[in-house]
N, C-alpha and C. Protein backbone atom coordinates (compact mmCIF):
# COMPACT_ATOMS: atom_id res chain seq x y z
N MET A 1 -4.79 42.76 -83.77
CA MET A 1 -5.73 42.37 -82.74
C MET A 1 -6.97 43.20 -82.81
N CYS A 2 -8.13 42.48 -82.57
CA CYS A 2 -9.45 43.06 -82.75
C CYS A 2 -9.77 44.07 -81.60
N SER A 3 -10.38 45.09 -81.93
CA SER A 3 -10.64 46.17 -80.91
C SER A 3 -11.78 45.63 -79.95
N SER A 4 -12.58 44.73 -80.30
CA SER A 4 -13.72 44.23 -79.47
C SER A 4 -13.40 42.81 -78.97
N THR A 5 -13.93 42.51 -77.93
CA THR A 5 -13.81 41.20 -77.40
C THR A 5 -15.05 40.30 -77.65
N THR A 6 -14.76 39.18 -78.06
CA THR A 6 -15.83 38.21 -78.36
C THR A 6 -15.85 37.26 -77.27
N TRP A 7 -17.14 37.05 -76.73
CA TRP A 7 -17.37 36.09 -75.59
C TRP A 7 -18.00 34.86 -76.14
N ALA A 8 -17.43 33.71 -75.77
CA ALA A 8 -17.92 32.42 -76.23
C ALA A 8 -18.44 31.70 -74.96
N THR A 9 -19.59 31.13 -75.03
CA THR A 9 -20.13 30.52 -73.84
C THR A 9 -20.46 29.05 -74.19
N GLY A 10 -19.82 28.10 -73.39
CA GLY A 10 -19.95 26.72 -73.58
C GLY A 10 -19.95 25.93 -72.38
N CYS A 11 -20.90 25.15 -71.99
CA CYS A 11 -20.89 24.34 -70.79
C CYS A 11 -20.79 25.29 -69.59
N GLY A 12 -21.31 26.47 -69.59
CA GLY A 12 -21.39 27.39 -68.45
C GLY A 12 -19.96 28.02 -68.31
N ILE A 13 -19.03 27.93 -69.12
CA ILE A 13 -17.67 28.49 -68.99
C ILE A 13 -17.48 29.61 -69.92
N ARG A 14 -17.26 30.81 -69.52
CA ARG A 14 -17.09 32.02 -70.32
C ARG A 14 -15.65 32.15 -70.57
N VAL A 15 -15.26 32.36 -71.87
CA VAL A 15 -13.91 32.63 -72.28
C VAL A 15 -13.87 33.85 -73.11
N ALA A 16 -12.97 34.83 -72.76
CA ALA A 16 -12.81 36.04 -73.63
C ALA A 16 -11.80 35.73 -74.69
N SER A 17 -12.01 36.11 -75.88
CA SER A 17 -11.10 35.93 -76.91
C SER A 17 -11.11 37.13 -77.95
N PRO A 18 -10.10 38.05 -77.82
CA PRO A 18 -10.12 39.14 -78.65
C PRO A 18 -9.77 38.68 -80.08
N ILE A 19 -9.33 37.53 -80.36
CA ILE A 19 -8.91 37.12 -81.69
C ILE A 19 -9.77 35.90 -82.05
N ALA A 20 -10.93 35.83 -81.64
CA ALA A 20 -11.86 34.65 -81.87
C ALA A 20 -12.05 34.50 -83.39
N THR A 21 -12.07 35.50 -84.17
CA THR A 21 -12.35 35.29 -85.61
C THR A 21 -11.24 34.60 -86.39
N HIS A 22 -10.01 34.77 -85.69
CA HIS A 22 -8.86 34.08 -86.29
C HIS A 22 -8.58 32.78 -85.73
N SER A 23 -9.17 32.36 -84.60
CA SER A 23 -8.94 31.10 -84.01
C SER A 23 -9.23 29.88 -84.88
N ARG A 24 -10.24 29.95 -85.65
CA ARG A 24 -10.68 28.79 -86.67
C ARG A 24 -9.59 28.50 -87.63
N VAL A 25 -9.00 29.58 -88.23
CA VAL A 25 -7.89 29.50 -89.13
C VAL A 25 -6.71 28.94 -88.58
N ASN A 26 -6.35 29.53 -87.45
CA ASN A 26 -5.13 28.93 -86.79
C ASN A 26 -5.28 27.54 -86.43
N LEU A 27 -6.42 27.13 -85.74
CA LEU A 27 -6.66 25.70 -85.47
C LEU A 27 -6.76 24.77 -86.55
N HIS A 28 -7.36 25.28 -87.62
CA HIS A 28 -7.37 24.50 -88.90
C HIS A 28 -6.03 24.19 -89.46
N HIS A 29 -5.08 25.16 -89.36
CA HIS A 29 -3.71 24.86 -89.86
C HIS A 29 -3.03 23.91 -88.88
N VAL A 30 -3.21 23.98 -87.64
CA VAL A 30 -2.63 23.10 -86.67
C VAL A 30 -3.16 21.66 -86.93
N LEU A 31 -4.43 21.53 -87.14
CA LEU A 31 -5.01 20.21 -87.40
C LEU A 31 -4.45 19.60 -88.63
N LEU A 32 -4.24 20.40 -89.73
CA LEU A 32 -3.64 19.90 -90.91
C LEU A 32 -2.27 19.38 -90.76
N VAL A 33 -1.50 20.03 -89.91
CA VAL A 33 -0.12 19.54 -89.69
C VAL A 33 0.00 18.40 -88.70
N THR A 34 -0.87 18.34 -87.74
CA THR A 34 -0.73 17.36 -86.63
C THR A 34 -1.92 16.49 -86.46
N HIS A 35 -2.65 16.29 -87.54
CA HIS A 35 -3.99 15.52 -87.46
C HIS A 35 -3.87 14.21 -86.75
N ALA A 36 -2.74 13.49 -86.80
CA ALA A 36 -2.63 12.22 -86.20
C ALA A 36 -2.47 12.22 -84.75
N PHE A 37 -2.04 13.43 -84.21
CA PHE A 37 -1.81 13.55 -82.77
C PHE A 37 -2.71 14.38 -81.96
N LEU A 38 -3.07 15.47 -82.53
CA LEU A 38 -3.82 16.65 -81.92
C LEU A 38 -5.12 16.16 -81.34
N PRO A 39 -5.99 15.50 -82.00
CA PRO A 39 -7.36 15.27 -81.46
C PRO A 39 -7.32 14.60 -80.08
N ALA A 40 -6.46 13.50 -79.94
CA ALA A 40 -6.31 12.82 -78.67
C ALA A 40 -5.88 13.72 -77.58
N THR A 41 -4.87 14.49 -77.92
CA THR A 41 -4.38 15.52 -76.93
C THR A 41 -5.44 16.50 -76.47
N ILE A 42 -6.16 16.98 -77.50
CA ILE A 42 -7.32 17.95 -77.20
C ILE A 42 -8.26 17.30 -76.32
N GLU A 43 -8.59 16.08 -76.66
CA GLU A 43 -9.67 15.38 -75.85
C GLU A 43 -9.26 15.24 -74.43
N ARG A 44 -8.00 14.75 -74.18
CA ARG A 44 -7.50 14.59 -72.79
C ARG A 44 -7.49 15.93 -72.01
N ALA A 45 -7.02 16.93 -72.70
CA ALA A 45 -6.91 18.23 -71.95
C ALA A 45 -8.24 18.76 -71.74
N ALA A 46 -9.17 18.59 -72.65
CA ALA A 46 -10.63 18.99 -72.46
C ALA A 46 -11.22 18.47 -71.19
N VAL A 47 -11.04 17.04 -71.03
CA VAL A 47 -11.62 16.39 -69.97
C VAL A 47 -10.91 16.96 -68.63
N ILE A 48 -9.65 17.08 -68.67
CA ILE A 48 -8.93 17.57 -67.42
C ILE A 48 -9.50 18.98 -67.09
N TYR A 49 -9.41 19.83 -68.00
CA TYR A 49 -9.82 21.34 -67.69
C TYR A 49 -11.27 21.44 -67.46
N PHE A 50 -12.06 20.74 -68.20
CA PHE A 50 -13.61 20.86 -67.95
C PHE A 50 -13.89 20.36 -66.48
N THR A 51 -13.25 19.26 -66.10
CA THR A 51 -13.33 18.70 -64.73
C THR A 51 -12.94 19.81 -63.72
N ARG A 52 -11.86 20.44 -63.86
CA ARG A 52 -11.38 21.55 -62.96
C ARG A 52 -12.38 22.61 -63.01
N SER A 53 -12.72 23.10 -64.10
CA SER A 53 -13.62 24.24 -64.15
C SER A 53 -15.06 23.93 -63.58
N LEU A 54 -15.57 22.83 -63.92
CA LEU A 54 -16.84 22.47 -63.27
C LEU A 54 -16.81 22.30 -61.83
N ALA A 55 -15.68 21.78 -61.25
CA ALA A 55 -15.53 21.62 -59.86
C ALA A 55 -15.55 23.01 -59.16
N VAL A 56 -14.90 23.98 -59.78
CA VAL A 56 -14.82 25.33 -59.27
C VAL A 56 -16.23 25.94 -59.22
N GLN A 57 -16.88 25.65 -60.28
CA GLN A 57 -18.23 26.36 -60.45
C GLN A 57 -19.31 25.75 -59.44
N VAL A 58 -19.25 24.36 -59.27
CA VAL A 58 -20.37 23.86 -58.51
C VAL A 58 -19.93 23.44 -57.09
N GLY A 59 -18.61 23.69 -56.77
CA GLY A 59 -18.09 23.34 -55.41
C GLY A 59 -18.81 23.97 -54.38
N GLY A 60 -19.25 25.24 -54.50
CA GLY A 60 -19.92 25.97 -53.53
C GLY A 60 -21.34 25.28 -53.14
N ASP A 61 -21.85 24.53 -54.03
CA ASP A 61 -23.16 23.83 -53.87
C ASP A 61 -23.01 22.49 -53.22
N GLY A 62 -21.73 22.16 -52.90
CA GLY A 62 -21.45 20.89 -52.18
C GLY A 62 -21.37 19.77 -53.28
N VAL A 63 -21.12 20.12 -54.49
CA VAL A 63 -20.96 19.09 -55.48
C VAL A 63 -19.50 18.80 -55.88
N ARG A 64 -18.88 17.62 -55.88
CA ARG A 64 -17.64 17.33 -56.19
C ARG A 64 -17.53 16.79 -57.62
N VAL A 65 -16.67 17.17 -58.39
CA VAL A 65 -16.45 16.82 -59.79
C VAL A 65 -15.00 16.20 -59.98
N ASN A 66 -14.94 15.00 -60.25
CA ASN A 66 -13.65 14.31 -60.56
C ASN A 66 -13.78 13.34 -61.79
N ALA A 67 -12.62 12.97 -62.35
CA ALA A 67 -12.67 12.12 -63.51
C ALA A 67 -11.43 11.19 -63.24
N ILE A 68 -11.51 10.14 -64.19
CA ILE A 68 -10.51 9.15 -64.34
C ILE A 68 -9.82 9.13 -65.59
N GLY A 69 -8.60 8.88 -65.71
CA GLY A 69 -7.80 8.90 -66.94
C GLY A 69 -7.28 7.53 -67.32
N PRO A 70 -8.09 6.73 -67.77
CA PRO A 70 -7.69 5.32 -68.05
C PRO A 70 -6.84 5.14 -69.31
N ASP A 71 -5.96 4.12 -69.20
CA ASP A 71 -5.01 3.77 -70.42
C ASP A 71 -4.83 2.28 -70.28
N VAL A 72 -4.45 1.70 -71.42
CA VAL A 72 -4.21 0.24 -71.54
C VAL A 72 -5.08 -0.59 -70.76
N THR A 73 -6.39 -0.44 -70.86
CA THR A 73 -7.41 -1.33 -70.09
C THR A 73 -8.16 -2.05 -71.02
N GLU A 74 -8.30 -3.40 -70.81
CA GLU A 74 -9.08 -4.31 -71.53
C GLU A 74 -10.56 -3.93 -71.48
N SER A 75 -11.19 -3.78 -72.47
CA SER A 75 -12.71 -3.44 -72.52
C SER A 75 -13.35 -3.97 -73.81
N LEU A 76 -14.62 -3.73 -73.87
CA LEU A 76 -15.28 -4.19 -75.16
C LEU A 76 -14.86 -3.29 -76.28
N GLN A 77 -14.48 -2.02 -76.01
CA GLN A 77 -14.17 -1.07 -77.04
C GLN A 77 -12.58 -1.34 -77.43
N VAL A 78 -11.87 -1.71 -76.42
CA VAL A 78 -10.50 -2.04 -76.67
C VAL A 78 -10.10 -3.44 -76.17
N PRO A 79 -10.29 -4.35 -76.99
CA PRO A 79 -10.06 -5.83 -76.57
C PRO A 79 -8.66 -6.28 -76.86
N TYR A 80 -7.67 -5.80 -75.90
CA TYR A 80 -6.37 -6.14 -76.18
C TYR A 80 -6.09 -7.59 -76.29
N SER A 81 -6.85 -8.40 -75.51
CA SER A 81 -6.60 -9.91 -75.54
C SER A 81 -6.87 -10.46 -76.88
N GLU A 82 -7.72 -9.86 -77.66
CA GLU A 82 -8.06 -10.30 -79.01
C GLU A 82 -7.03 -9.64 -80.00
N TRP A 83 -6.54 -8.53 -79.80
CA TRP A 83 -5.82 -7.69 -80.81
C TRP A 83 -4.34 -8.18 -80.72
N LEU A 84 -3.89 -8.61 -79.56
CA LEU A 84 -2.47 -8.87 -79.39
C LEU A 84 -2.18 -10.47 -79.52
N SER A 85 -1.09 -10.74 -80.24
CA SER A 85 -0.73 -12.16 -80.28
C SER A 85 -0.28 -12.63 -78.86
N PRO A 86 -0.24 -14.04 -78.73
CA PRO A 86 0.27 -14.52 -77.42
C PRO A 86 1.66 -14.00 -77.15
N GLU A 87 2.53 -13.87 -78.12
CA GLU A 87 3.95 -13.38 -77.86
C GLU A 87 3.83 -11.84 -77.32
N GLU A 88 3.08 -11.13 -78.04
CA GLU A 88 2.99 -9.70 -77.64
C GLU A 88 2.33 -9.58 -76.22
N GLN A 89 1.44 -10.46 -75.87
CA GLN A 89 0.78 -10.39 -74.50
C GLN A 89 1.79 -10.68 -73.43
N THR A 90 2.95 -11.36 -73.77
CA THR A 90 3.95 -11.56 -72.75
C THR A 90 4.81 -10.33 -72.42
N ARG A 91 4.56 -9.30 -73.32
CA ARG A 91 5.37 -8.05 -73.18
C ARG A 91 4.70 -7.04 -72.16
N TRP A 92 3.49 -7.26 -71.72
CA TRP A 92 2.84 -6.34 -70.76
C TRP A 92 3.80 -5.90 -69.63
N PRO A 93 4.45 -6.78 -68.99
CA PRO A 93 5.40 -6.31 -67.83
C PRO A 93 6.42 -5.29 -68.34
N ARG A 94 6.87 -5.29 -69.69
CA ARG A 94 7.82 -4.33 -70.16
C ARG A 94 6.99 -2.99 -70.55
N TRP A 95 5.82 -3.17 -71.04
CA TRP A 95 5.07 -2.05 -71.75
C TRP A 95 4.52 -1.20 -70.56
N VAL A 96 3.96 -1.72 -69.51
CA VAL A 96 3.26 -0.99 -68.46
C VAL A 96 3.97 -1.15 -67.12
N PRO A 97 4.31 -0.09 -66.54
CA PRO A 97 5.11 -0.08 -65.19
C PRO A 97 4.53 -0.93 -64.21
N ALA A 98 3.13 -1.03 -64.14
CA ALA A 98 2.32 -1.94 -63.24
C ALA A 98 2.57 -3.35 -63.66
N GLY A 99 3.01 -3.70 -64.69
CA GLY A 99 3.39 -5.08 -65.26
C GLY A 99 2.19 -5.91 -65.87
N ARG A 100 1.16 -5.19 -66.23
CA ARG A 100 0.02 -5.95 -66.73
C ARG A 100 -0.94 -4.88 -67.37
N MET A 101 -1.87 -5.36 -68.28
CA MET A 101 -2.85 -4.53 -68.81
C MET A 101 -3.96 -4.24 -67.62
N GLY A 102 -4.54 -3.12 -67.82
CA GLY A 102 -5.64 -2.85 -66.82
C GLY A 102 -6.93 -3.61 -67.15
N LEU A 103 -7.66 -3.72 -66.09
CA LEU A 103 -9.03 -4.34 -66.16
C LEU A 103 -10.11 -3.42 -65.78
N PRO A 104 -11.30 -3.57 -66.34
CA PRO A 104 -12.42 -2.73 -66.00
C PRO A 104 -12.44 -2.49 -64.38
N GLU A 105 -12.22 -3.49 -63.62
CA GLU A 105 -12.21 -3.50 -62.17
C GLU A 105 -11.19 -2.42 -61.57
N ASP A 106 -10.15 -2.27 -62.39
CA ASP A 106 -9.12 -1.33 -61.81
C ASP A 106 -9.83 0.17 -61.98
N GLN A 107 -10.49 0.39 -63.06
CA GLN A 107 -11.25 1.66 -63.20
C GLN A 107 -12.27 1.87 -62.09
N ALA A 108 -13.11 0.80 -61.88
CA ALA A 108 -14.14 0.80 -60.99
C ALA A 108 -13.72 1.06 -59.56
N ARG A 109 -12.63 0.60 -59.18
CA ARG A 109 -12.20 0.74 -57.78
C ARG A 109 -11.77 2.26 -57.52
N VAL A 110 -11.27 2.91 -58.45
CA VAL A 110 -10.93 4.31 -58.22
C VAL A 110 -12.18 5.12 -58.23
N ILE A 111 -13.19 4.77 -59.13
CA ILE A 111 -14.36 5.47 -59.06
C ILE A 111 -15.10 5.25 -57.79
N LEU A 112 -15.13 4.03 -57.22
CA LEU A 112 -15.75 3.68 -55.92
C LEU A 112 -15.04 4.45 -54.86
N PHE A 113 -13.77 4.74 -54.88
CA PHE A 113 -13.05 5.58 -53.93
C PHE A 113 -13.59 7.09 -53.99
N LEU A 114 -13.71 7.56 -55.20
CA LEU A 114 -14.09 8.90 -55.41
C LEU A 114 -15.61 9.24 -55.05
N ALA A 115 -16.39 8.13 -55.12
CA ALA A 115 -17.95 8.40 -54.94
C ALA A 115 -18.25 8.75 -53.53
N PRO A 116 -17.92 7.98 -52.56
CA PRO A 116 -18.40 8.22 -51.22
C PRO A 116 -17.61 9.25 -50.46
N GLU A 117 -17.95 9.42 -49.18
CA GLU A 117 -17.33 10.40 -48.29
C GLU A 117 -15.80 10.16 -48.05
N LEU A 118 -15.26 8.98 -48.44
CA LEU A 118 -13.89 8.71 -48.40
C LEU A 118 -12.98 9.82 -49.09
N ALA A 119 -13.59 10.36 -50.16
CA ALA A 119 -12.95 11.41 -50.97
C ALA A 119 -13.73 12.66 -50.89
N ALA A 120 -14.26 13.03 -49.73
CA ALA A 120 -14.99 14.24 -49.53
C ALA A 120 -14.31 15.50 -49.84
N PHE A 121 -13.04 15.50 -49.73
CA PHE A 121 -12.25 16.70 -49.96
C PHE A 121 -11.39 16.76 -51.25
N VAL A 122 -11.83 15.81 -52.06
CA VAL A 122 -11.12 15.61 -53.44
C VAL A 122 -12.01 16.18 -54.45
N THR A 123 -11.74 17.17 -55.20
CA THR A 123 -12.59 17.69 -56.34
C THR A 123 -11.62 18.38 -57.25
N GLY A 124 -12.13 18.33 -58.57
CA GLY A 124 -11.41 18.97 -59.65
C GLY A 124 -10.20 18.22 -60.15
N HIS A 125 -10.13 16.93 -59.91
CA HIS A 125 -9.00 16.22 -60.33
C HIS A 125 -9.36 15.09 -61.36
N THR A 126 -8.40 14.76 -62.26
CA THR A 126 -8.44 13.64 -63.01
C THR A 126 -7.50 12.66 -62.53
N ILE A 127 -7.90 11.57 -62.05
CA ILE A 127 -6.94 10.51 -61.49
C ILE A 127 -6.62 9.61 -62.60
N PRO A 128 -5.21 9.60 -62.82
CA PRO A 128 -4.76 8.64 -63.79
C PRO A 128 -4.85 7.20 -63.32
N THR A 129 -5.58 6.39 -64.16
CA THR A 129 -5.81 4.92 -63.84
C THR A 129 -5.14 4.29 -65.06
N ASP A 130 -3.82 4.45 -65.21
CA ASP A 130 -3.04 3.85 -66.34
C ASP A 130 -2.00 2.92 -66.14
N GLY A 131 -1.88 2.44 -64.88
CA GLY A 131 -0.89 1.47 -64.58
C GLY A 131 0.48 2.07 -64.72
N GLY A 132 0.59 3.39 -64.72
CA GLY A 132 1.85 4.07 -64.67
C GLY A 132 2.40 4.49 -65.99
N THR A 133 1.62 4.25 -67.06
CA THR A 133 2.06 4.68 -68.38
C THR A 133 2.35 6.19 -68.52
N GLY A 134 1.47 6.93 -67.93
CA GLY A 134 1.70 8.36 -68.00
C GLY A 134 3.02 8.83 -67.33
N ALA A 135 3.25 8.15 -66.24
CA ALA A 135 4.39 8.58 -65.41
C ALA A 135 5.65 8.06 -66.22
N ALA A 136 5.59 6.96 -66.89
CA ALA A 136 6.73 6.44 -67.65
C ALA A 136 7.12 7.33 -68.86
N GLY A 137 6.08 8.12 -69.28
CA GLY A 137 6.33 9.00 -70.43
C GLY A 137 6.89 8.53 -71.78
N GLY A 138 6.46 7.33 -72.12
CA GLY A 138 6.99 6.63 -73.37
C GLY A 138 8.12 5.87 -73.22
N TRP A 139 8.57 5.60 -72.03
CA TRP A 139 9.71 4.67 -71.80
C TRP A 139 9.21 3.30 -71.40
N PHE A 140 9.98 2.32 -71.85
CA PHE A 140 9.69 0.90 -71.66
C PHE A 140 10.82 0.11 -70.89
N ARG A 141 10.54 -0.89 -70.21
CA ARG A 141 11.58 -1.70 -69.75
C ARG A 141 12.24 -2.57 -70.88
N SER A 142 13.45 -2.77 -70.74
CA SER A 142 14.18 -3.51 -71.76
C SER A 142 14.89 -4.70 -71.13
N SER A 143 14.76 -5.86 -71.80
CA SER A 143 15.32 -7.02 -71.26
C SER A 143 16.47 -7.53 -72.16
N VAL A 144 16.65 -6.73 -73.38
CA VAL A 144 17.53 -7.08 -74.30
C VAL A 144 18.92 -6.46 -74.13
N ARG A 145 18.82 -5.29 -73.70
CA ARG A 145 20.08 -4.58 -73.42
C ARG A 145 20.52 -4.55 -71.98
N PRO A 146 21.47 -5.26 -71.54
CA PRO A 146 21.86 -5.35 -70.21
C PRO A 146 22.33 -4.07 -69.64
N ASP A 147 23.01 -3.20 -70.46
CA ASP A 147 23.54 -1.90 -70.00
C ASP A 147 22.47 -0.86 -69.80
N ARG A 148 21.26 -1.04 -70.30
CA ARG A 148 20.29 -0.07 -70.17
C ARG A 148 18.88 -0.68 -69.80
N GLU A 149 18.31 -0.31 -68.67
CA GLU A 149 17.16 -0.93 -68.23
C GLU A 149 15.87 -0.40 -69.09
N TRP A 150 15.90 0.85 -69.53
CA TRP A 150 14.76 1.48 -70.15
C TRP A 150 15.11 1.92 -71.62
N THR A 151 14.06 1.92 -72.45
CA THR A 151 14.16 2.23 -73.89
C THR A 151 12.92 2.98 -74.28
N ASN A 152 12.90 3.65 -75.36
CA ASN A 152 11.62 4.24 -75.94
C ASN A 152 11.15 3.49 -77.17
N ARG A 153 11.69 2.29 -77.39
CA ARG A 153 11.36 1.32 -78.51
C ARG A 153 10.61 0.11 -77.92
N PRO A 154 9.29 0.09 -77.83
CA PRO A 154 8.49 -0.92 -77.20
C PRO A 154 8.49 -2.28 -77.94
N VAL A 155 8.68 -2.30 -79.23
CA VAL A 155 8.51 -3.59 -79.94
C VAL A 155 9.82 -4.44 -79.80
N ALA A 156 11.00 -3.91 -79.99
CA ALA A 156 12.17 -4.69 -79.84
C ALA A 156 13.13 -3.88 -78.88
N PRO A 157 12.78 -3.84 -77.60
CA PRO A 157 13.61 -3.04 -76.65
C PRO A 157 14.88 -3.69 -76.36
């Protein structure tokens, strides 16, 4: 352990790290092992914790900070209707607890709720706008196996 504490400042948030010189090496090894999964996880956690931290910092000034956490939403960047075959598109009710893919309007409605005084006491939160995929935790409805309603195999449940 280092005898001195290194302070890192980013986005107005100070973090003390007595092992800052070793963090890069450790993170580098983690990225080598989990490169397919870690970046998306880090990105989600960064948005959630940045939202919380910023809300705490600026809340005293009357500023509210919130975010949304979209998933399975049709958009220009993620055109599910073009990517999925007609047969795959019939599986939305099994893949998403809400029973369909999300639309940009679904995201907009939550943003519209958060913007005005209707949500005046809501700050520091990331609202999941995912049709329940986060709550399902990787489980999907199954119509193939009558003895089990849920499976973790989405393609051939």
